[in-house]
Amino acid sequence: MVCLLAYQLIFADHRSRLNVEKEKITVSTVTKGTFDVYIVVTATVQPLKTIRLDAIEGGYVMQKYLEGGSSVKKGDSILRLDNQRLMMEFVNRETEMYRLINELQNTRLRLKQDRFTPG
């Protein structure tokens, strides 16, 4: 038994073999050229830097100037929001401001009239 084991270690063929079907082998002439290897990889692309924006006043998106993933610089417009409630509030405050200006002008006019009216 020991002799058989020694014989296997010393004289046996230790080369590895791979059995391949003949139909799967392609034989052709060797030529010099570029060697392209394509490796299919599944990956997720991440941006270098992500900045989240919060709108102080919300609204509806009326127009999108840039698509997702586009590079932006400081001052670039990304989208336009529309907020009807905020617009109505602005118009109401503007109306109130004009009313106060008109009231102030009327008060000044009455003061001038009172000054020149004999009493």
PDB file of N, CA and C in Angstrom:
ATOM      1  N   MET A   1       0.813  -1.178   0.000  1.00  0.00           N
ATOM      2  CA  MET A   1       0.000   0.000   0.000  1.00  0.00           C
ATOM      3  C   MET A   1       0.863   1.252   0.000  1.00  0.00           C
ATOM      4  N   VAL A   2       1.875   1.267   0.815  1.00  0.00           N
ATOM      5  CA  VAL A   2       2.790   2.406   0.885  1.00  0.00           C
ATOM      6  C   VAL A   2       3.514   2.562  -0.439  1.00  0.00           C
ATOM      7  N   CYS A   3       3.876   1.440  -1.055  1.00  0.00           N
ATOM      8  CA  CYS A   3       4.581   1.487  -2.344  1.00  0.00           C
ATOM      9  C   CYS A   3       3.687   2.094  -3.423  1.00  0.00           C
ATOM     10  N   LEU A   4       2.409   1.732  -3.417  1.00  0.00           N
ATOM     11  CA  LEU A   4       1.480   2.261  -4.404  1.00  0.00           C
ATOM     12  C   LEU A   4       1.310   3.768  -4.229  1.00  0.00           C
ATOM     13  N   LEU A   5       1.214   4.211  -2.998  1.00  0.00           N
ATOM     14  CA  LEU A   5       1.097   5.635  -2.702  1.00  0.00           C
ATOM     15  C   LEU A   5       2.346   6.389  -3.126  1.00  0.00           C
ATOM     16  N   ALA A   6       3.507   5.871  -2.850  1.00  0.00           N
ATOM     17  CA  ALA A   6       4.778   6.485  -3.250  1.00  0.00           C
ATOM     18  C   ALA A   6       4.870   6.540  -4.772  1.00  0.00           C
ATOM     19  N   TYR A   7       4.468   5.448  -5.448  1.00  0.00           N
ATOM     20  CA  TYR A   7       4.496   5.412  -6.903  1.00  0.00           C
ATOM     21  C   TYR A   7       3.584   6.514  -7.476  1.00  0.00           C
ATOM     22  N   GLN A   8       2.383   6.694  -6.907  1.00  0.00           N
ATOM     23  CA  GLN A   8       1.449   7.730  -7.368  1.00  0.00           C
ATOM     24  C   GLN A   8       2.031   9.121  -7.170  1.00  0.00           C
ATOM     25  N   LEU A   9       2.689   9.349  -6.052  1.00  0.00           N
ATOM     26  CA  LEU A   9       3.267  10.665  -5.779  1.00  0.00           C
ATOM     27  C   LEU A   9       4.437  10.974  -6.701  1.00  0.00           C
ATOM     28  N   ILE A  10       5.211   9.992  -7.025  1.00  0.00           N
ATOM     29  CA  ILE A  10       6.435  10.235  -7.817  1.00  0.00           C
ATOM     30  C   ILE A  10       6.169  10.158  -9.316  1.00  0.00           C
ATOM     31  N   PHE A  11       5.506   9.124  -9.800  1.00  0.00           N
ATOM     32  CA  PHE A  11       5.416   8.861 -11.234  1.00  0.00           C
ATOM     33  C   PHE A  11       4.065   9.213 -11.875  1.00  0.00           C
ATOM     34  N   ALA A  12       3.079   9.540 -11.106  1.00  0.00           N
ATOM     35  CA  ALA A  12       1.761   9.799 -11.690  1.00  0.00           C
ATOM     36  C   ALA A  12       1.738  11.149 -12.410  1.00  0.00           C
ATOM     37  N   ASP A  13       0.811  11.300 -13.361  1.00  0.00           N
ATOM     38  CA  ASP A  13       0.627  12.541 -14.129  1.00  0.00           C
ATOM     39  C   ASP A  13      -0.212  13.513 -13.284  1.00  0.00           C
ATOM     40  N   HIS A  14       0.384  14.635 -12.880  1.00  0.00           N
ATOM     41  CA  HIS A  14      -0.288  15.600 -12.004  1.00  0.00           C
ATOM     42  C   HIS A  14      -0.809  16.828 -12.760  1.00  0.00           C
ATOM     43  N   ARG A  15      -0.850  16.800 -14.084  1.00  0.00           N
ATOM     44  CA  ARG A  15      -1.373  17.915 -14.855  1.00  0.00           C
ATOM     45  C   ARG A  15      -2.897  17.934 -14.753  1.00  0.00           C
ATOM     46  N   SER A  16      -3.444  19.169 -14.761  1.00  0.00           N
ATOM     47  CA  SER A  16      -4.906  19.271 -14.697  1.00  0.00           C
ATOM     48  C   SER A  16      -5.473  19.204 -16.104  1.00  0.00           C
ATOM     49  N   ARG A  17      -6.716  18.761 -16.200  1.00  0.00           N
ATOM     50  CA  ARG A  17      -7.352  18.595 -17.499  1.00  0.00           C
ATOM     51  C   ARG A  17      -8.743  19.221 -17.452  1.00  0.00           C
ATOM     52  N   LEU A  18      -9.196  19.648 -18.632  1.00  0.00           N
ATOM     53  CA  LEU A  18     -10.538  20.181 -18.770  1.00  0.00           C
ATOM     54  C   LEU A  18     -11.151  19.545 -20.008  1.00  0.00           C
ATOM     55  N   ASN A  19     -12.236  18.872 -19.826  1.00  0.00           N
ATOM     56  CA  ASN A  19     -12.921  18.230 -20.950  1.00  0.00           C
ATOM     57  C   ASN A  19     -13.924  19.223 -21.525  1.00  0.00           C
ATOM     58  N   VAL A  20     -13.804  19.511 -22.834  1.00  0.00           N
ATOM     59  CA  VAL A  20     -14.666  20.465 -23.519  1.00  0.00           C
ATOM     60  C   VAL A  20     -15.263  19.776 -24.738  1.00  0.00           C
ATOM     61  N   GLU A  21     -16.546  20.091 -25.021  1.00  0.00           N
ATOM     62  CA  GLU A  21     -17.191  19.520 -26.197  1.00  0.00           C
ATOM     63  C   GLU A  21     -16.599  20.131 -27.461  1.00  0.00           C
ATOM     64  N   LYS A  22     -16.469  19.338 -28.520  1.00  0.00           N
ATOM     65  CA  LYS A  22     -15.867  19.791 -29.780  1.00  0.00           C
ATOM     66  C   LYS A  22     -16.645  20.942 -30.408  1.00  0.00           C
ATOM     67  N   GLU A  23     -17.978  20.948 -30.269  1.00  0.00           N
ATOM     68  CA  GLU A  23     -18.803  21.969 -30.894  1.00  0.00           C
ATOM     69  C   GLU A  23     -18.569  23.353 -30.287  1.00  0.00           C
ATOM     70  N   LYS A  24     -18.069  23.408 -29.089  1.00  0.00           N
ATOM     71  CA  LYS A  24     -17.861  24.683 -28.399  1.00  0.00           C
ATOM     72  C   LYS A  24     -16.471  25.270 -28.635  1.00  0.00           C
ATOM     73  N   ILE A  25     -15.665  24.632 -29.430  1.00  0.00           N
ATOM     74  CA  ILE A  25     -14.303  25.099 -29.701  1.00  0.00           C
ATOM     75  C   ILE A  25     -14.275  25.770 -31.071  1.00  0.00           C
ATOM     76  N   THR A  26     -13.663  26.958 -31.138  1.00  0.00           N
ATOM     77  CA  THR A  26     -13.488  27.677 -32.393  1.00  0.00           C
ATOM     78  C   THR A  26     -12.002  27.778 -32.671  1.00  0.00           C
ATOM     79  N   VAL A  27     -11.590  27.374 -33.829  1.00  0.00           N
ATOM     80  CA  VAL A  27     -10.186  27.444 -34.226  1.00  0.00           C
ATOM     81  C   VAL A  27     -10.087  28.408 -35.398  1.00  0.00           C
ATOM     82  N   SER A  28      -9.182  29.396 -35.290  1.00  0.00           N
ATOM     83  CA  SER A  28      -9.006  30.347 -36.381  1.00  0.00           C
ATOM     84  C   SER A  28      -7.566  30.829 -36.391  1.00  0.00           C
ATOM     85  N   THR A  29      -7.221  31.610 -37.427  1.00  0.00           N
ATOM     86  CA  THR A  29      -5.869  32.120 -37.590  1.00  0.00           C
ATOM     87  C   THR A  29      -5.636  33.258 -36.600  1.00  0.00           C
ATOM     88  N   VAL A  30      -4.460  33.296 -36.022  1.00  0.00           N
ATOM     89  CA  VAL A  30      -4.108  34.349 -35.067  1.00  0.00           C
ATOM     90  C   VAL A  30      -3.714  35.597 -35.848  1.00  0.00           C
ATOM     91  N   THR A  31      -4.329  36.737 -35.501  1.00  0.00           N
ATOM     92  CA  THR A  31      -4.001  38.009 -36.138  1.00  0.00           C
ATOM     93  C   THR A  31      -3.714  39.039 -35.061  1.00  0.00           C
ATOM     94  N   LYS A  32      -2.980  40.074 -35.458  1.00  0.00           N
ATOM     95  CA  LYS A  32      -2.658  41.156 -34.530  1.00  0.00           C
ATOM     96  C   LYS A  32      -3.731  42.237 -34.654  1.00  0.00           C
ATOM     97  N   GLY A  33      -4.252  42.748 -33.521  1.00  0.00           N
ATOM     98  CA  GLY A  33      -5.291  43.762 -33.541  1.00  0.00           C
ATOM     99  C   GLY A  33      -5.686  44.145 -32.120  1.00  0.00           C
ATOM    100  N   THR A  34      -6.735  44.915 -32.031  1.00  0.00           N
ATOM    101  CA  THR A  34      -7.196  45.326 -30.700  1.00  0.00           C
ATOM    102  C   THR A  34      -8.008  44.204 -30.069  1.00  0.00           C
ATOM    103  N   PHE A  35      -7.905  44.122 -28.777  1.00  0.00           N
ATOM    104  CA  PHE A  35      -8.632  43.107 -28.022  1.00  0.00           C
ATOM    105  C   PHE A  35      -9.632  43.821 -27.137  1.00  0.00           C
ATOM    106  N   ASP A  36     -10.900  43.682 -27.457  1.00  0.00           N
ATOM    107  CA  ASP A  36     -11.958  44.325 -26.683  1.00  0.00           C
ATOM    108  C   ASP A  36     -12.620  43.309 -25.773  1.00  0.00           C
ATOM    109  N   VAL A  37     -12.715  43.680 -24.514  1.00  0.00           N
ATOM    110  CA  VAL A  37     -13.408  42.837 -23.547  1.00  0.00           C
ATOM    111  C   VAL A  37     -14.525  43.669 -22.950  1.00  0.00           C
ATOM    112  N   TYR A  38     -15.735  43.179 -22.985  1.00  0.00           N
ATOM    113  CA  TYR A  38     -16.880  43.863 -22.399  1.00  0.00           C
ATOM    114  C   TYR A  38     -17.346  43.072 -21.195  1.00  0.00           C
ATOM    115  N   ILE A  39     -17.411  43.760 -20.088  1.00  0.00           N
ATOM    116  CA  ILE A  39     -17.869  43.125 -18.860  1.00  0.00           C
ATOM    117  C   ILE A  39     -19.182  43.790 -18.470  1.00  0.00           C
ATOM    118  N   VAL A  40     -20.226  43.016 -18.332  1.00  0.00           N
ATOM    119  CA  VAL A  40     -21.526  43.543 -17.945  1.00  0.00           C
ATOM    120  C   VAL A  40     -21.514  43.740 -16.430  1.00  0.00           C
ATOM    121  N   VAL A  41     -21.792  44.983 -16.030  1.00  0.00           N
ATOM    122  CA  VAL A  41     -21.780  45.324 -14.610  1.00  0.00           C
ATOM    123  C   VAL A  41     -23.093  46.041 -14.285  1.00  0.00           C
ATOM    124  N   THR A  42     -23.730  45.638 -13.234  1.00  0.00           N
ATOM    125  CA  THR A  42     -24.917  46.333 -12.749  1.00  0.00           C
ATOM    126  C   THR A  42     -24.470  47.256 -11.632  1.00  0.00           C
ATOM    127  N   ALA A  43     -24.781  48.562 -11.773  1.00  0.00           N
ATOM    128  CA  ALA A  43     -24.300  49.534 -10.793  1.00  0.00           C
ATOM    129  C   ALA A  43     -25.318  50.643 -10.617  1.00  0.00           C
ATOM    130  N   THR A  44     -25.099  51.438  -9.600  1.00  0.00           N
ATOM    131  CA  THR A  44     -25.913  52.615  -9.335  1.00  0.00           C
ATOM    132  C   THR A  44     -25.013  53.831  -9.408  1.00  0.00           C
ATOM    133  N   VAL A  45     -25.401  54.823 -10.218  1.00  0.00           N
ATOM    134  CA  VAL A  45     -24.611  56.042 -10.363  1.00  0.00           C
ATOM    135  C   VAL A  45     -25.048  57.031  -9.291  1.00  0.00           C
ATOM    136  N   GLN A  46     -24.096  57.577  -8.561  1.00  0.00           N
ATOM    137  CA  GLN A  46     -24.363  58.534  -7.495  1.00  0.00           C
ATOM    138  C   GLN A  46     -23.724  59.874  -7.875  1.00  0.00           C
ATOM    139  N   PRO A  47     -24.398  61.004  -7.618  1.00  0.00           N
ATOM    140  CA  PRO A  47     -23.776  62.307  -7.889  1.00  0.00           C
ATOM    141  C   PRO A  47     -22.651  62.572  -6.892  1.00  0.00           C
ATOM    142  N   LEU A  48     -21.698  63.421  -7.302  1.00  0.00           N
ATOM    143  CA  LEU A  48     -20.606  63.773  -6.404  1.00  0.00           C
ATOM    144  C   LEU A  48     -21.106  64.564  -5.207  1.00  0.00           C
ATOM    145  N   LYS A  49     -22.090  65.441  -5.456  1.00  0.00           N
ATOM    146  CA  LYS A  49     -22.607  66.308  -4.405  1.00  0.00           C
ATOM    147  C   LYS A  49     -24.105  66.473  -4.591  1.00  0.00           C
ATOM    148  N   THR A  50     -24.863  66.327  -3.523  1.00  0.00           N
ATOM    149  CA  THR A  50     -26.317  66.500  -3.572  1.00  0.00           C
ATOM    150  C   THR A  50     -26.701  67.618  -2.629  1.00  0.00           C
ATOM    151  N   ILE A  51     -27.487  68.566  -3.137  1.00  0.00           N
ATOM    152  CA  ILE A  51     -27.956  69.685  -2.319  1.00  0.00           C
ATOM    153  C   ILE A  51     -29.481  69.659  -2.359  1.00  0.00           C
ATOM    154  N   ARG A  52     -30.102  69.652  -1.207  1.00  0.00           N
ATOM    155  CA  ARG A  52     -31.557  69.651  -1.118  1.00  0.00           C
ATOM    156  C   ARG A  52     -32.039  71.080  -0.903  1.00  0.00           C
ATOM    157  N   LEU A  53     -33.070  71.465  -1.635  1.00  0.00           N
ATOM    158  CA  LEU A  53     -33.630  72.806  -1.541  1.00  0.00           C
ATOM    159  C   LEU A  53     -34.984  72.758  -0.854  1.00  0.00           C
ATOM    160  N   ASP A  54     -35.221  73.714   0.016  1.00  0.00           N
ATOM    161  CA  ASP A  54     -36.523  73.866   0.657  1.00  0.00           C
ATOM    162  C   ASP A  54     -37.097  75.206   0.233  1.00  0.00           C
ATOM    163  N   ALA A  55     -38.315  75.191  -0.234  1.00  0.00           N
ATOM    164  CA  ALA A  55     -38.990  76.441  -0.595  1.00  0.00           C
ATOM    165  C   ALA A  55     -39.607  77.019   0.673  1.00  0.00           C
ATOM    166  N   ILE A  56     -39.359  78.307   0.920  1.00  0.00           N
ATOM    167  CA  ILE A  56     -39.927  78.969   2.096  1.00  0.00           C
ATOM    168  C   ILE A  56     -41.442  78.985   1.961  1.00  0.00           C
ATOM    169  N   GLU A  57     -41.916  79.327   0.798  1.00  0.00           N
ATOM    170  CA  GLU A  57     -43.342  79.286   0.481  1.00  0.00           C
ATOM    171  C   GLU A  57     -43.531  78.211  -0.576  1.00  0.00           C
ATOM    172  N   GLY A  58     -44.429  77.291  -0.339  1.00  0.00           N
ATOM    173  CA  GLY A  58     -44.679  76.222  -1.301  1.00  0.00           C
ATOM    174  C   GLY A  58     -45.447  76.714  -2.503  1.00  0.00           C
ATOM    175  N   GLY A  59     -45.761  75.828  -3.389  1.00  0.00           N
ATOM    176  CA  GLY A  59     -46.533  76.179  -4.571  1.00  0.00           C
ATOM    177  C   GLY A  59     -46.570  75.027  -5.551  1.00  0.00           C
ATOM    178  N   TYR A  60     -47.143  75.300  -6.700  1.00  0.00           N
ATOM    179  CA  TYR A  60     -47.213  74.317  -7.766  1.00  0.00           C
ATOM    180  C   TYR A  60     -46.108  74.605  -8.775  1.00  0.00           C
ATOM    181  N   VAL A  61     -45.498  73.548  -9.306  1.00  0.00           N
ATOM    182  CA  VAL A  61     -44.453  73.714 -10.315  1.00  0.00           C
ATOM    183  C   VAL A  61     -45.126  74.092 -11.632  1.00  0.00           C
ATOM    184  N   MET A  62     -44.809  75.293 -12.114  1.00  0.00           N
ATOM    185  CA  MET A  62     -45.381  75.784 -13.363  1.00  0.00           C
ATOM    186  C   MET A  62     -44.481  75.464 -14.557  1.00  0.00           C
ATOM    187  N   GLN A  63     -43.151  75.522 -14.333  1.00  0.00           N
ATOM    188  CA  GLN A  63     -42.224  75.284 -15.438  1.00  0.00           C
ATOM    189  C   GLN A  63     -40.932  74.718 -14.870  1.00  0.00           C
ATOM    190  N   LYS A  64     -40.419  73.709 -15.556  1.00  0.00           N
ATOM    191  CA  LYS A  64     -39.157  73.085 -15.171  1.00  0.00           C
ATOM    192  C   LYS A  64     -38.097  73.536 -16.174  1.00  0.00           C
ATOM    193  N   TYR A  65     -37.049  74.201 -15.698  1.00  0.00           N
ATOM    194  CA  TYR A  65     -35.998  74.696 -16.594  1.00  0.00           C
ATOM    195  C   TYR A  65     -34.908  73.661 -16.826  1.00  0.00           C
ATOM    196  N   LEU A  66     -34.630  72.802 -15.845  1.00  0.00           N
ATOM    197  CA  LEU A  66     -33.566  71.807 -15.955  1.00  0.00           C
ATOM    198  C   LEU A  66     -34.114  70.426 -15.614  1.00  0.00           C
ATOM    199  N   GLU A  67     -33.557  69.411 -16.224  1.00  0.00           N
ATOM    200  CA  GLU A  67     -33.942  68.033 -15.932  1.00  0.00           C
ATOM    201  C   GLU A  67     -33.088  67.497 -14.788  1.00  0.00           C
ATOM    202  N   GLY A  68     -33.547  66.437 -14.158  1.00  0.00           N
ATOM    203  CA  GLY A  68     -32.802  65.803 -13.074  1.00  0.00           C
ATOM    204  C   GLY A  68     -31.450  65.318 -13.563  1.00  0.00           C
ATOM    205  N   GLY A  69     -30.419  65.509 -12.755  1.00  0.00           N
ATOM    206  CA  GLY A  69     -29.075  65.089 -13.122  1.00  0.00           C
ATOM    207  C   GLY A  69     -28.277  66.148 -13.846  1.00  0.00           C
ATOM    208  N   SER A  70     -28.891  67.283 -14.201  1.00  0.00           N
ATOM    209  CA  SER A  70     -28.177  68.357 -14.896  1.00  0.00           C
ATOM    210  C   SER A  70     -27.262  69.087 -13.919  1.00  0.00           C
ATOM    211  N   SER A  71     -26.145  69.562 -14.419  1.00  0.00           N
ATOM    212  CA  SER A  71     -25.239  70.361 -13.592  1.00  0.00           C
ATOM    213  C   SER A  71     -25.799  71.768 -13.474  1.00  0.00           C
ATOM    214  N   VAL A  72     -25.703  72.339 -12.302  1.00  0.00           N
ATOM    215  CA  VAL A  72     -26.189  73.698 -12.076  1.00  0.00           C
ATOM    216  C   VAL A  72     -25.091  74.535 -11.448  1.00  0.00           C
ATOM    217  N   LYS A  73     -25.194  75.840 -11.686  1.00  0.00           N
ATOM    218  CA  LYS A  73     -24.262  76.793 -11.090  1.00  0.00           C
ATOM    219  C   LYS A  73     -25.061  77.738 -10.213  1.00  0.00           C
ATOM    220  N   LYS A  74     -24.385  78.463  -9.373  1.00  0.00           N
ATOM    221  CA  LYS A  74     -25.042  79.426  -8.497  1.00  0.00           C
ATOM    222  C   LYS A  74     -25.793  80.442  -9.361  1.00  0.00           C
ATOM    223  N   GLY A  75     -27.055  80.659  -9.036  1.00  0.00           N
ATOM    224  CA  GLY A  75     -27.871  81.625  -9.761  1.00  0.00           C
ATOM    225  C   GLY A  75     -28.718  81.013 -10.864  1.00  0.00           C
ATOM    226  N   ASP A  76     -28.502  79.733 -11.219  1.00  0.00           N
ATOM    227  CA  ASP A  76     -29.308  79.083 -12.263  1.00  0.00           C
ATOM    228  C   ASP A  76     -30.739  78.866 -11.759  1.00  0.00           C
ATOM    229  N   SER A  77     -31.710  79.123 -12.629  1.00  0.00           N
ATOM    230  CA  SER A  77     -33.107  78.833 -12.297  1.00  0.00           C
ATOM    231  C   SER A  77     -33.363  77.356 -12.565  1.00  0.00           C
ATOM    232  N   ILE A  78     -33.976  76.682 -11.610  1.00  0.00           N
ATOM    233  CA  ILE A  78     -34.258  75.255 -11.742  1.00  0.00           C
ATOM    234  C   ILE A  78     -35.709  75.051 -12.155  1.00  0.00           C
ATOM    235  N   LEU A  79     -36.611  75.753 -11.459  1.00  0.00           N
ATOM    236  CA  LEU A  79     -38.026  75.657 -11.786  1.00  0.00           C
ATOM    237  C   LEU A  79     -38.748  76.907 -11.337  1.00  0.00           C
ATOM    238  N   ARG A  80     -40.003  77.048 -11.797  1.00  0.00           N
ATOM    239  CA  ARG A  80     -40.817  78.197 -11.425  1.00  0.00           C
ATOM    240  C   ARG A  80     -42.041  77.692 -10.679  1.00  0.00           C
ATOM    241  N   LEU A  81     -42.248  78.239  -9.486  1.00  0.00           N
ATOM    242  CA  LEU A  81     -43.394  77.852  -8.675  1.00  0.00           C
ATOM    243  C   LEU A  81     -44.503  78.876  -8.815  1.00  0.00           C
ATOM    244  N   ASP A  82     -45.727  78.437  -8.653  1.00  0.00           N
ATOM    245  CA  ASP A  82     -46.884  79.317  -8.661  1.00  0.00           C
ATOM    246  C   ASP A  82     -47.654  79.068  -7.371  1.00  0.00           C
ATOM    247  N   ASN A  83     -47.955  80.165  -6.633  1.00  0.00           N
ATOM    248  CA  ASN A  83     -48.678  80.061  -5.381  1.00  0.00           C
ATOM    249  C   ASN A  83     -49.781  81.111  -5.393  1.00  0.00           C
ATOM    250  N   GLN A  84     -51.005  80.680  -5.691  1.00  0.00           N
ATOM    251  CA  GLN A  84     -52.128  81.610  -5.815  1.00  0.00           C
ATOM    252  C   GLN A  84     -52.439  82.310  -4.497  1.00  0.00           C
ATOM    253  N   ARG A  85     -52.345  81.586  -3.387  1.00  0.00           N
ATOM    254  CA  ARG A  85     -52.622  82.181  -2.083  1.00  0.00           C
ATOM    255  C   ARG A  85     -51.639  83.306  -1.794  1.00  0.00           C
ATOM    256  N   LEU A  86     -50.354  83.087  -2.092  1.00  0.00           N
ATOM    257  CA  LEU A  86     -49.336  84.111  -1.869  1.00  0.00           C
ATOM    258  C   LEU A  86     -49.562  85.315  -2.779  1.00  0.00           C
ATOM    259  N   MET A  87     -49.969  85.060  -4.032  1.00  0.00           N
ATOM    260  CA  MET A  87     -50.249  86.165  -4.956  1.00  0.00           C
ATOM    261  C   MET A  87     -51.431  86.994  -4.463  1.00  0.00           C
ATOM    262  N   MET A  88     -52.482  86.336  -3.974  1.00  0.00           N
ATOM    263  CA  MET A  88     -53.650  87.060  -3.447  1.00  0.00           C
ATOM    264  C   MET A  88     -53.259  87.877  -2.220  1.00  0.00           C
ATOM    265  N   GLU A  89     -52.414  87.307  -1.374  1.00  0.00           N
ATOM    266  CA  GLU A  89     -51.951  88.032  -0.180  1.00  0.00           C
ATOM    267  C   GLU A  89     -51.159  89.271  -0.591  1.00  0.00           C
ATOM    268  N   PHE A  90     -50.319  89.123  -1.611  1.00  0.00           N
ATOM    269  CA  PHE A  90     -49.528  90.252  -2.111  1.00  0.00           C
ATOM    270  C   PHE A  90     -50.447  91.346  -2.659  1.00  0.00           C
ATOM    271  N   VAL A  91     -51.454  90.958  -3.457  1.00  0.00           N
ATOM    272  CA  VAL A  91     -52.389  91.932  -4.034  1.00  0.00           C
ATOM    273  C   VAL A  91     -53.165  92.635  -2.921  1.00  0.00           C
ATOM    274  N   ASN A  92     -53.612  91.886  -1.922  1.00  0.00           N
ATOM    275  CA  ASN A  92     -54.341  92.482  -0.797  1.00  0.00           C
ATOM    276  C   ASN A  92     -53.478  93.477  -0.027  1.00  0.00           C
ATOM    277  N   ARG A  93     -52.223  93.130   0.197  1.00  0.00           N
ATOM    278  CA  ARG A  93     -51.327  94.060   0.911  1.00  0.00           C
ATOM    279  C   ARG A  93     -51.038  95.298   0.067  1.00  0.00           C
ATOM    280  N   GLU A  94     -50.886  95.106  -1.233  1.00  0.00           N
ATOM    281  CA  GLU A  94     -50.661  96.239  -2.119  1.00  0.00           C
ATOM    282  C   GLU A  94     -51.885  97.168  -2.110  1.00  0.00           C
ATOM    283  N   THR A  95     -53.073  96.578  -2.146  1.00  0.00           N
ATOM    284  CA  THR A  95     -54.310  97.364  -2.088  1.00  0.00           C
ATOM    285  C   THR A  95     -54.400  98.121  -0.770  1.00  0.00           C
ATOM    286  N   GLU A  96     -54.050  97.454   0.322  1.00  0.00           N
ATOM    287  CA  GLU A  96     -54.067  98.101   1.640  1.00  0.00           C
ATOM    288  C   GLU A  96     -53.063  99.257   1.689  1.00  0.00           C
ATOM    289  N   MET A  97     -51.899  99.058   1.082  1.00  0.00           N
ATOM    290  CA  MET A  97     -50.889 100.116   1.048  1.00  0.00           C
ATOM    291  C   MET A  97     -51.415 101.339   0.282  1.00  0.00           C
ATOM    292  N   TYR A  98     -52.049 101.134  -0.879  1.00  0.00           N
ATOM    293  CA  TYR A  98     -52.603 102.252  -1.648  1.00  0.00           C
ATOM    294  C   TYR A  98     -53.742 102.934  -0.887  1.00  0.00           C
ATOM    295  N   ARG A  99     -54.534 102.137  -0.157  1.00  0.00           N
ATOM    296  CA  ARG A  99     -55.612 102.712   0.652  1.00  0.00           C
ATOM    297  C   ARG A  99     -55.040 103.620   1.739  1.00  0.00           C
ATOM    298  N   LEU A 100     -53.945 103.158   2.400  1.00  0.00           N
ATOM    299  CA  LEU A 100     -53.310 103.972   3.448  1.00  0.00           C
ATOM    300  C   LEU A 100     -52.684 105.240   2.870  1.00  0.00           C
ATOM    301  N   ILE A 101     -52.075 105.145   1.700  1.00  0.00           N
ATOM    302  CA  ILE A 101     -51.490 106.324   1.047  1.00  0.00           C
ATOM    303  C   ILE A 101     -52.593 107.324   0.710  1.00  0.00           C
ATOM    304  N   ASN A 102     -53.702 106.830   0.186  1.00  0.00           N
ATOM    305  CA  ASN A 102     -54.838 107.683  -0.156  1.00  0.00           C
ATOM    306  C   ASN A 102     -55.413 108.349   1.100  1.00  0.00           C
ATOM    307  N   GLU A 103     -55.510 107.576   2.162  1.00  0.00           N
ATOM    308  CA  GLU A 103     -56.016 108.122   3.426  1.00  0.00           C
ATOM    309  C   GLU A 103     -55.084 109.204   3.974  1.00  0.00           C
ATOM    310  N   LEU A 104     -53.788 108.992   3.861  1.00  0.00           N
ATOM    311  CA  LEU A 104     -52.801 109.980   4.306  1.00  0.00           C
ATOM    312  C   LEU A 104     -52.920 111.269   3.481  1.00  0.00           C
ATOM    313  N   GLN A 105     -53.076 111.115   2.155  1.00  0.00           N
ATOM    314  CA  GLN A 105     -53.241 112.298   1.302  1.00  0.00           C
ATOM    315  C   GLN A 105     -54.526 113.049   1.652  1.00  0.00           C
ATOM    316  N   ASN A 106     -55.603 112.339   1.928  1.00  0.00           N
ATOM    317  CA  ASN A 106     -56.867 112.981   2.324  1.00  0.00           C
ATOM    318  C   ASN A 106     -56.711 113.713   3.661  1.00  0.00           C
ATOM    319  N   THR A 107     -55.999 113.131   4.580  1.00  0.00           N
ATOM    320  CA  THR A 107     -55.764 113.767   5.886  1.00  0.00           C
ATOM    321  C   THR A 107     -54.963 115.056   5.700  1.00  0.00           C
ATOM    322  N   ARG A 108     -53.927 115.024   4.870  1.00  0.00           N
ATOM    323  CA  ARG A 108     -53.124 116.232   4.605  1.00  0.00           C
ATOM    324  C   ARG A 108     -53.990 117.321   3.957  1.00  0.00           C
ATOM    325  N   LEU A 109     -54.835 116.896   3.023  1.00  0.00           N
ATOM    326  CA  LEU A 109     -55.717 117.844   2.340  1.00  0.00           C
ATOM    327  C   LEU A 109     -56.692 118.490   3.342  1.00  0.00           C
ATOM    328  N   ARG A 110     -57.272 117.718   4.258  1.00  0.00           N
ATOM    329  CA  ARG A 110     -58.176 118.257   5.285  1.00  0.00           C
ATOM    330  C   ARG A 110     -57.448 119.232   6.209  1.00  0.00           C
ATOM    331  N   LEU A 111     -56.188 118.892   6.553  1.00  0.00           N
ATOM    332  CA  LEU A 111     -55.409 119.789   7.409  1.00  0.00           C
ATOM    333  C   LEU A 111     -55.181 121.137   6.718  1.00  0.00           C
ATOM    334  N   LYS A 112     -54.875 121.095   5.419  1.00  0.00           N
ATOM    335  CA  LYS A 112     -54.672 122.333   4.661  1.00  0.00           C
ATOM    336  C   LYS A 112     -55.976 123.126   4.577  1.00  0.00           C
ATOM    337  N   GLN A 113     -57.087 122.427   4.346  1.00  0.00           N
ATOM    338  CA  GLN A 113     -58.380 123.097   4.279  1.00  0.00           C
ATOM    339  C   GLN A 113     -58.756 123.727   5.615  1.00  0.00           C
ATOM    340  N   ASP A 114     -58.483 122.993   6.694  1.00  0.00           N
ATOM    341  CA  ASP A 114     -58.788 123.513   8.037  1.00  0.00           C
ATOM    342  C   ASP A 114     -57.955 124.746   8.350  1.00  0.00           C
ATOM    343  N   ARG A 115     -56.740 124.810   7.857  1.00  0.00           N
ATOM    344  CA  ARG A 115     -55.847 125.935   8.107  1.00  0.00           C
ATOM    345  C   ARG A 115     -56.367 127.194   7.408  1.00  0.00           C
ATOM    346  N   PHE A 116     -56.925 127.042   6.208  1.00  0.00           N
ATOM    347  CA  PHE A 116     -57.366 128.192   5.431  1.00  0.00           C
ATOM    348  C   PHE A 116     -58.863 128.524   5.618  1.00  0.00           C
ATOM    349  N   THR A 117     -59.597 127.690   6.289  1.00  0.00           N
ATOM    350  CA  THR A 117     -61.021 127.932   6.517  1.00  0.00           C
ATOM    351  C   THR A 117     -61.169 128.794   7.778  1.00  0.00           C
ATOM    352  N   PRO A 118     -61.890 129.947   7.632  1.00  0.00           N
ATOM    353  CA  PRO A 118     -62.082 130.784   8.838  1.00  0.00           C
ATOM    354  C   PRO A 118     -63.029 130.098   9.812  1.00  0.00           C
ATOM    355  N   GLY A 119     -62.679 130.106  10.995  1.00  0.00           N
ATOM    356  CA  GLY A 119     -63.518 129.393  11.907  1.00  0.00           C
ATOM    357  C   GLY A 119     -63.873 130.120  13.064  1.00  0.00           C
TER     358      GLY A 119
END
